[in-house]
Amino acid sequence: MMRKYDAEFKQNAVKKILDGQSAAAVSRELGVGDNLLHMWKKVRINWSSDVEKEHLEFKKR
């Protein structure tokens, strides 16, 4: 049975990844598949403004 996650849960999970935690660590911590986390991150980045995208790209470095 698939579980539904609310927007706040997804946002907090993605924020943990963007703040530097590995997807695997967040996956273990929250009990969510890492593939699902990567999908949420991709959606978050696609819906970001250009300024946010530049900021996220800068954080990767």
N, C-alpha and C. Protein backbone atom coordinates (compact mmCIF):
# COMPACT_ATOMS: atom_id res chain seq x y z
N MET A 1 0.84 -1.18 0.00
CA MET A 1 0.00 0.00 0.00
C MET A 1 0.88 1.24 0.00
N MET A 2 0.58 2.18 -0.90
CA MET A 2 1.38 3.40 -1.00
C MET A 2 0.96 4.39 0.08
N ARG A 3 1.94 5.04 0.63
CA ARG A 3 1.69 6.05 1.64
C ARG A 3 1.72 7.42 0.99
N LYS A 4 0.85 8.32 1.42
CA LYS A 4 0.83 9.69 0.91
C LYS A 4 1.62 10.58 1.86
N TYR A 5 2.43 11.45 1.30
CA TYR A 5 3.23 12.39 2.08
C TYR A 5 2.75 13.80 1.78
N ASP A 6 2.59 14.61 2.83
CA ASP A 6 2.13 15.97 2.60
C ASP A 6 3.28 16.85 2.10
N ALA A 7 2.91 18.02 1.59
CA ALA A 7 3.88 18.92 0.98
C ALA A 7 4.97 19.34 1.97
N GLU A 8 4.60 19.58 3.21
CA GLU A 8 5.58 20.01 4.21
C GLU A 8 6.62 18.92 4.47
N PHE A 9 6.18 17.67 4.54
CA PHE A 9 7.10 16.55 4.74
C PHE A 9 8.10 16.48 3.58
N LYS A 10 7.59 16.60 2.35
CA LYS A 10 8.44 16.54 1.17
C LYS A 10 9.44 17.69 1.16
N GLN A 11 8.96 18.90 1.47
CA GLN A 11 9.83 20.07 1.50
C GLN A 11 10.95 19.91 2.52
N ASN A 12 10.61 19.41 3.70
CA ASN A 12 11.62 19.22 4.74
C ASN A 12 12.63 18.15 4.35
N ALA A 13 12.16 17.10 3.69
CA ALA A 13 13.07 16.04 3.25
C ALA A 13 14.03 16.58 2.20
N VAL A 14 13.52 17.31 1.24
CA VAL A 14 14.37 17.87 0.18
C VAL A 14 15.34 18.89 0.76
N LYS A 15 14.88 19.68 1.72
CA LYS A 15 15.76 20.68 2.36
C LYS A 15 16.95 20.00 3.01
N LYS A 16 16.73 18.86 3.64
CA LYS A 16 17.83 18.12 4.27
C LYS A 16 18.89 17.74 3.22
N ILE A 17 18.43 17.32 2.05
CA ILE A 17 19.35 16.94 0.98
C ILE A 17 20.09 18.17 0.45
N LEU A 18 19.34 19.25 0.23
CA LEU A 18 19.96 20.47 -0.29
C LEU A 18 20.92 21.09 0.72
N ASP A 19 20.70 20.81 1.99
CA ASP A 19 21.60 21.32 3.04
C ASP A 19 22.84 20.45 3.22
N GLY A 20 22.94 19.36 2.42
CA GLY A 20 24.17 18.59 2.44
C GLY A 20 24.08 17.16 2.91
N GLN A 21 22.95 16.75 3.46
CA GLN A 21 22.82 15.35 3.87
C GLN A 21 22.66 14.48 2.63
N SER A 22 23.17 13.29 2.69
CA SER A 22 23.01 12.38 1.54
C SER A 22 21.57 11.90 1.48
N ALA A 23 21.13 11.58 0.26
CA ALA A 23 19.78 11.05 0.08
C ALA A 23 19.64 9.74 0.86
N ALA A 24 20.70 8.94 0.90
CA ALA A 24 20.65 7.67 1.62
C ALA A 24 20.42 7.90 3.12
N ALA A 25 21.11 8.90 3.68
CA ALA A 25 20.95 9.19 5.11
C ALA A 25 19.54 9.69 5.41
N VAL A 26 19.03 10.58 4.56
CA VAL A 26 17.68 11.11 4.75
C VAL A 26 16.66 9.98 4.58
N SER A 27 16.91 9.12 3.62
CA SER A 27 16.03 7.98 3.38
C SER A 27 15.91 7.10 4.62
N ARG A 28 17.04 6.79 5.22
CA ARG A 28 17.04 5.97 6.44
C ARG A 28 16.35 6.69 7.59
N GLU A 29 16.66 7.98 7.73
CA GLU A 29 16.10 8.76 8.84
C GLU A 29 14.57 8.86 8.76
N LEU A 30 14.06 9.06 7.55
CA LEU A 30 12.62 9.30 7.39
C LEU A 30 11.84 8.06 6.97
N GLY A 31 12.53 7.01 6.60
CA GLY A 31 11.85 5.80 6.16
C GLY A 31 11.21 5.94 4.79
N VAL A 32 11.86 6.71 3.93
CA VAL A 32 11.36 6.96 2.58
C VAL A 32 12.42 6.46 1.60
N GLY A 33 11.99 5.88 0.49
CA GLY A 33 12.93 5.40 -0.51
C GLY A 33 13.76 6.53 -1.10
N ASP A 34 15.05 6.26 -1.34
CA ASP A 34 15.90 7.32 -1.87
C ASP A 34 15.49 7.74 -3.29
N ASN A 35 14.92 6.82 -4.06
CA ASN A 35 14.42 7.19 -5.39
C ASN A 35 13.31 8.22 -5.29
N LEU A 36 12.46 8.06 -4.31
CA LEU A 36 11.37 9.01 -4.09
C LEU A 36 11.94 10.38 -3.70
N LEU A 37 12.95 10.37 -2.86
CA LEU A 37 13.59 11.63 -2.46
C LEU A 37 14.20 12.34 -3.67
N HIS A 38 14.87 11.58 -4.54
CA HIS A 38 15.46 12.18 -5.73
C HIS A 38 14.37 12.77 -6.63
N MET A 39 13.24 12.11 -6.73
CA MET A 39 12.13 12.62 -7.53
C MET A 39 11.61 13.93 -6.94
N TRP A 40 11.42 13.97 -5.62
CA TRP A 40 10.95 15.19 -4.97
C TRP A 40 11.94 16.33 -5.18
N LYS A 41 13.23 16.02 -5.10
CA LYS A 41 14.27 17.04 -5.30
C LYS A 41 14.20 17.57 -6.73
N LYS A 42 14.05 16.68 -7.69
CA LYS A 42 13.98 17.09 -9.10
C LYS A 42 12.77 18.00 -9.33
N VAL A 43 11.63 17.65 -8.75
CA VAL A 43 10.43 18.47 -8.88
C VAL A 43 10.67 19.83 -8.25
N ARG A 44 11.29 19.85 -7.09
CA ARG A 44 11.56 21.11 -6.37
C ARG A 44 12.45 22.02 -7.21
N ILE A 45 13.47 21.45 -7.82
CA ILE A 45 14.39 22.26 -8.62
C ILE A 45 13.70 22.75 -9.89
N ASN A 46 12.88 21.90 -10.51
CA ASN A 46 12.17 22.32 -11.73
C ASN A 46 11.18 23.44 -11.47
N TRP A 47 10.61 23.49 -10.26
CA TRP A 47 9.64 24.53 -9.92
C TRP A 47 10.28 25.76 -9.29
N SER A 48 11.59 25.74 -9.13
CA SER A 48 12.29 26.87 -8.50
C SER A 48 12.43 28.02 -9.49
N SER A 49 12.55 29.21 -8.95
CA SER A 49 12.82 30.39 -9.79
C SER A 49 14.28 30.32 -10.25
N ASP A 50 14.63 31.14 -11.20
CA ASP A 50 16.00 31.16 -11.70
C ASP A 50 16.99 31.53 -10.60
N VAL A 51 16.59 32.46 -9.73
CA VAL A 51 17.47 32.87 -8.62
C VAL A 51 17.70 31.69 -7.68
N GLU A 52 16.64 30.96 -7.36
CA GLU A 52 16.78 29.79 -6.48
C GLU A 52 17.65 28.73 -7.14
N LYS A 53 17.49 28.53 -8.45
CA LYS A 53 18.30 27.54 -9.16
C LYS A 53 19.77 27.91 -9.10
N GLU A 54 20.08 29.20 -9.28
CA GLU A 54 21.48 29.64 -9.18
C GLU A 54 22.02 29.40 -7.77
N HIS A 55 21.21 29.68 -6.78
CA HIS A 55 21.62 29.46 -5.39
C HIS A 55 21.88 27.97 -5.13
N LEU A 56 20.99 27.11 -5.61
CA LEU A 56 21.17 25.67 -5.42
C LEU A 56 22.41 25.18 -6.15
N GLU A 57 22.66 25.71 -7.34
CA GLU A 57 23.84 25.33 -8.11
C GLU A 57 25.11 25.77 -7.37
N PHE A 58 25.07 26.96 -6.77
CA PHE A 58 26.21 27.47 -6.01
C PHE A 58 26.48 26.60 -4.79
N LYS A 59 25.42 26.13 -4.13
CA LYS A 59 25.58 25.29 -2.93
C LYS A 59 26.24 23.95 -3.26
N LYS A 60 26.09 23.48 -4.50
CA LYS A 60 26.69 22.20 -4.90
C LYS A 60 28.20 22.26 -4.89
N ARG A 61 28.74 23.45 -5.16
CA ARG A 61 30.21 23.60 -5.29
C ARG A 61 30.93 23.45 -4.01
